[in-house]
């Protein structure tokens, strides 16, 4: 378990050390989930 945690921490530090690439992907997905209901239409029955 300790080795898996160390591996995860290493991979996470490598991903975030690259210059913000993961943050850009998270921002894109956040915008996508905000815009998708608007593309489906404003009808409450469709959104529910």
PDB file of N, CA and C in Angstrom:
ATOM      1  N   UNK A   1       0.822  -1.188   0.000  1.00  0.00           N
ATOM      2  CA  UNK A   1       0.000   0.000   0.000  1.00  0.00           C
ATOM      3  C   UNK A   1       0.869   1.257   0.000  1.00  0.00           C
ATOM      4  N   UNK A   2       1.976   1.191   0.726  1.00  0.00           N
ATOM      5  CA  UNK A   2       2.880   2.338   0.792  1.00  0.00           C
ATOM      6  C   UNK A   2       3.514   2.607  -0.577  1.00  0.00           C
ATOM      7  N   UNK A   3       3.807   1.534  -1.307  1.00  0.00           N
ATOM      8  CA  UNK A   3       4.403   1.691  -2.635  1.00  0.00           C
ATOM      9  C   UNK A   3       3.406   2.307  -3.612  1.00  0.00           C
ATOM     10  N   UNK A   4       2.140   1.915  -3.511  1.00  0.00           N
ATOM     11  CA  UNK A   4       1.119   2.479  -4.394  1.00  0.00           C
ATOM     12  C   UNK A   4       0.927   3.963  -4.109  1.00  0.00           C
ATOM     13  N   UNK A   5       0.967   4.330  -2.839  1.00  0.00           N
ATOM     14  CA  UNK A   5       0.818   5.743  -2.474  1.00  0.00           C
ATOM     15  C   UNK A   5       2.005   6.558  -2.991  1.00  0.00           C
ATOM     16  N   UNK A   6       3.200   6.000  -2.883  1.00  0.00           N
ATOM     17  CA  UNK A   6       4.394   6.690  -3.379  1.00  0.00           C
ATOM     18  C   UNK A   6       4.346   6.836  -4.895  1.00  0.00           C
ATOM     19  N   UNK A   7       3.888   5.805  -5.583  1.00  0.00           N
ATOM     20  CA  UNK A   7       3.766   5.866  -7.038  1.00  0.00           C
ATOM     21  C   UNK A   7       2.739   6.909  -7.458  1.00  0.00           C
ATOM     22  N   UNK A   8       1.609   6.944  -6.762  1.00  0.00           N
ATOM     23  CA  UNK A   8       0.576   7.930  -7.071  1.00  0.00           C
ATOM     24  C   UNK A   8       1.090   9.344  -6.828  1.00  0.00           C
ATOM     25  N   UNK A   9       1.803   9.555  -5.724  1.00  0.00           N
ATOM     26  CA  UNK A   9       2.349  10.880  -5.421  1.00  0.00           C
ATOM     27  C   UNK A   9       3.376  11.303  -6.465  1.00  0.00           C
ATOM     28  N   UNK A  10       4.187  10.353  -6.917  1.00  0.00           N
ATOM     29  CA  UNK A  10       5.183  10.675  -7.943  1.00  0.00           C
ATOM     30  C   UNK A  10       4.521  11.050  -9.259  1.00  0.00           C
ATOM     31  N   UNK A  11       3.524  10.274  -9.667  1.00  0.00           N
ATOM     32  CA  UNK A  11       2.832  10.565 -10.923  1.00  0.00           C
ATOM     33  C   UNK A  11       2.078  11.888 -10.854  1.00  0.00           C
ATOM     34  N   UNK A  12       1.492  12.170  -9.704  1.00  0.00           N
ATOM     35  CA  UNK A  12       0.773  13.434  -9.537  1.00  0.00           C
ATOM     36  C   UNK A  12       1.730  14.616  -9.605  1.00  0.00           C
ATOM     37  N   UNK A  13       2.885  14.497  -8.980  1.00  0.00           N
ATOM     38  CA  UNK A  13       3.854  15.595  -9.026  1.00  0.00           C
ATOM     39  C   UNK A  13       4.413  15.776 -10.434  1.00  0.00           C
ATOM     40  N   UNK A  14       4.588  14.698 -11.170  1.00  0.00           N
ATOM     41  CA  UNK A  14       5.043  14.812 -12.556  1.00  0.00           C
ATOM     42  C   UNK A  14       3.990  15.481 -13.433  1.00  0.00           C
ATOM     43  N   UNK A  15       2.731  15.161 -13.200  1.00  0.00           N
ATOM     44  CA  UNK A  15       1.660  15.751 -14.004  1.00  0.00           C
ATOM     45  C   UNK A  15       1.521  17.244 -13.732  1.00  0.00           C
ATOM     46  N   UNK A  16       1.577  17.637 -12.463  1.00  0.00           N
ATOM     47  CA  UNK A  16       1.402  19.048 -12.118  1.00  0.00           C
ATOM     48  C   UNK A  16       2.669  19.848 -12.369  1.00  0.00           C
ATOM     49  N   UNK A  17       3.803  19.213 -12.435  1.00  0.00           N
ATOM     50  CA  UNK A  17       5.046  19.932 -12.678  1.00  0.00           C
ATOM     51  C   UNK A  17       5.242  20.311 -14.130  1.00  0.00           C
ATOM     52  N   UNK A  18       4.387  19.828 -15.002  1.00  0.00           N
ATOM     53  CA  UNK A  18       4.524  20.077 -16.424  1.00  0.00           C
ATOM     54  C   UNK A  18       4.075  21.444 -16.887  1.00  0.00           C
ATOM     55  N   UNK A  19       3.479  22.254 -16.033  1.00  0.00           N
ATOM     56  CA  UNK A  19       3.107  23.606 -16.437  1.00  0.00           C
ATOM     57  C   UNK A  19       1.621  23.868 -16.491  1.00  0.00           C
ATOM     58  N   UNK A  20       0.814  23.150 -15.792  1.00  0.00           N
ATOM     59  CA  UNK A  20      -0.602  23.469 -15.723  1.00  0.00           C
ATOM     60  C   UNK A  20      -1.474  22.742 -16.722  1.00  0.00           C
ATOM     61  N   UNK A  21      -0.972  21.736 -17.384  1.00  0.00           N
ATOM     62  CA  UNK A  21      -1.774  20.987 -18.342  1.00  0.00           C
ATOM     63  C   UNK A  21      -2.996  20.339 -17.724  1.00  0.00           C
ATOM     64  N   UNK A  22      -2.864  19.688 -16.570  1.00  0.00           N
ATOM     65  CA  UNK A  22      -4.040  19.088 -15.931  1.00  0.00           C
ATOM     66  C   UNK A  22      -5.071  20.124 -15.501  1.00  0.00           C
ATOM     67  N   UNK A  23      -4.605  21.305 -15.108  1.00  0.00           N
ATOM     68  CA  UNK A  23      -5.530  22.361 -14.708  1.00  0.00           C
ATOM     69  C   UNK A  23      -6.341  22.843 -15.907  1.00  0.00           C
ATOM     70  N   UNK A  24      -5.731  22.918 -17.055  1.00  0.00           N
ATOM     71  CA  UNK A  24      -6.431  23.306 -18.276  1.00  0.00           C
ATOM     72  C   UNK A  24      -7.496  22.274 -18.636  1.00  0.00           C
ATOM     73  N   UNK A  25      -7.185  20.997 -18.488  1.00  0.00           N
ATOM     74  CA  UNK A  25      -8.158  19.944 -18.774  1.00  0.00           C
ATOM     75  C   UNK A  25      -9.331  20.007 -17.800  1.00  0.00           C
ATOM     76  N   UNK A  26      -9.056  20.261 -16.533  1.00  0.00           N
ATOM     77  CA  UNK A  26     -10.141  20.382 -15.547  1.00  0.00           C
ATOM     78  C   UNK A  26     -11.030  21.578 -15.855  1.00  0.00           C
ATOM     79  N   UNK A  27     -10.436  22.683 -16.264  1.00  0.00           N
ATOM     80  CA  UNK A  27     -11.216  23.861 -16.638  1.00  0.00           C
ATOM     81  C   UNK A  27     -12.091  23.596 -17.852  1.00  0.00           C
ATOM     82  N   UNK A  28     -11.560  22.875 -18.819  1.00  0.00           N
ATOM     83  CA  UNK A  28     -12.342  22.536 -20.005  1.00  0.00           C
ATOM     84  C   UNK A  28     -13.545  21.674 -19.641  1.00  0.00           C
ATOM     85  N   UNK A  29     -13.329  20.664 -18.795  1.00  0.00           N
ATOM     86  CA  UNK A  29     -14.436  19.793 -18.403  1.00  0.00           C
ATOM     87  C   UNK A  29     -15.471  20.545 -17.575  1.00  0.00           C
ATOM     88  N   UNK A  30     -15.032  21.482 -16.749  1.00  0.00           N
ATOM     89  CA  UNK A  30     -15.961  22.295 -15.971  1.00  0.00           C
ATOM     90  C   UNK A  30     -16.821  23.160 -16.888  1.00  0.00           C
ATOM     91  N   UNK A  31     -16.204  23.782 -17.881  1.00  0.00           N
ATOM     92  CA  UNK A  31     -16.965  24.584 -18.843  1.00  0.00           C
ATOM     93  C   UNK A  31     -17.913  23.715 -19.662  1.00  0.00           C
ATOM     94  N   UNK A  32     -17.474  22.538 -20.021  1.00  0.00           N
ATOM     95  CA  UNK A  32     -18.312  21.636 -20.801  1.00  0.00           C
ATOM     96  C   UNK A  32     -19.554  21.225 -20.026  1.00  0.00           C
ATOM     97  N   UNK A  33     -19.399  20.905 -18.743  1.00  0.00           N
ATOM     98  CA  UNK A  33     -20.559  20.506 -17.945  1.00  0.00           C
ATOM     99  C   UNK A  33     -21.479  21.683 -17.672  1.00  0.00           C
ATOM    100  N   UNK A  34     -20.969  22.903 -17.729  1.00  0.00           N
ATOM    101  CA  UNK A  34     -21.825  24.071 -17.549  1.00  0.00           C
ATOM    102  C   UNK A  34     -22.591  24.397 -18.829  1.00  0.00           C
ATOM    103  N   UNK A  35     -21.988  24.152 -19.982  1.00  0.00           N
ATOM    104  CA  UNK A  35     -22.601  24.522 -21.259  1.00  0.00           C
ATOM    105  C   UNK A  35     -23.531  23.437 -21.794  1.00  0.00           C
ATOM    106  N   UNK A  36     -23.284  22.190 -21.464  1.00  0.00           N
ATOM    107  CA  UNK A  36     -24.070  21.083 -22.008  1.00  0.00           C
ATOM    108  C   UNK A  36     -25.569  21.204 -21.726  1.00  0.00           C
ATOM    109  N   UNK A  37     -26.010  21.553 -20.513  1.00  0.00           N
ATOM    110  CA  UNK A  37     -27.455  21.716 -20.306  1.00  0.00           C
ATOM    111  C   UNK A  37     -28.053  22.838 -21.144  1.00  0.00           C
ATOM    112  N   UNK A  38     -27.287  23.873 -21.423  1.00  0.00           N
ATOM    113  CA  UNK A  38     -27.792  24.955 -22.264  1.00  0.00           C
ATOM    114  C   UNK A  38     -27.974  24.488 -23.703  1.00  0.00           C
ATOM    115  N   UNK A  39     -27.119  23.595 -24.154  1.00  0.00           N
ATOM    116  CA  UNK A  39     -27.240  23.068 -25.507  1.00  0.00           C
ATOM    117  C   UNK A  39     -28.432  22.123 -25.630  1.00  0.00           C
ATOM    118  N   UNK A  40     -28.807  21.464 -24.531  1.00  0.00           N
ATOM    119  CA  UNK A  40     -29.931  20.535 -24.565  1.00  0.00           C
ATOM    120  C   UNK A  40     -31.262  21.270 -24.642  1.00  0.00           C
ATOM    121  N   UNK A  41     -31.288  22.513 -24.202  1.00  0.00           N
ATOM    122  CA  UNK A  41     -32.518  23.290 -24.224  1.00  0.00           C
ATOM    123  C   UNK A  41     -32.903  23.709 -22.818  1.00  0.00           C
ATOM    124  N   UNK A  42     -33.795  24.667 -22.734  1.00  0.00           N
ATOM    125  CA  UNK A  42     -34.172  25.200 -21.438  1.00  0.00           C
ATOM    126  C   UNK A  42     -35.383  24.545 -20.815  1.00  0.00           C
ATOM    127  N   UNK A  43     -35.931  23.535 -21.465  1.00  0.00           N
ATOM    128  CA  UNK A  43     -37.120  22.873 -20.933  1.00  0.00           C
ATOM    129  C   UNK A  43     -36.759  22.087 -19.671  1.00  0.00           C
ATOM    130  N   UNK A  44     -37.437  22.353 -18.550  1.00  0.00           N
ATOM    131  CA  UNK A  44     -37.103  21.642 -17.308  1.00  0.00           C
ATOM    132  C   UNK A  44     -37.269  20.124 -17.405  1.00  0.00           C
ATOM    133  N   UNK A  45     -38.200  19.652 -18.241  1.00  0.00           N
ATOM    134  CA  UNK A  45     -38.373  18.204 -18.383  1.00  0.00           C
ATOM    135  C   UNK A  45     -37.174  17.571 -19.068  1.00  0.00           C
ATOM    136  N   UNK A  46     -36.544  18.288 -19.986  1.00  0.00           N
ATOM    137  CA  UNK A  46     -35.362  17.771 -20.674  1.00  0.00           C
ATOM    138  C   UNK A  46     -34.165  17.772 -19.733  1.00  0.00           C
ATOM    139  N   UNK A  47     -34.055  18.793 -18.894  1.00  0.00           N
ATOM    140  CA  UNK A  47     -32.909  18.924 -18.002  1.00  0.00           C
ATOM    141  C   UNK A  47     -32.983  17.984 -16.811  1.00  0.00           C
ATOM    142  N   UNK A  48     -34.183  17.542 -16.447  1.00  0.00           N
ATOM    143  CA  UNK A  48     -34.331  16.682 -15.260  1.00  0.00           C
ATOM    144  C   UNK A  48     -33.974  15.246 -15.560  1.00  0.00           C
TER     145      UNK A  48
END
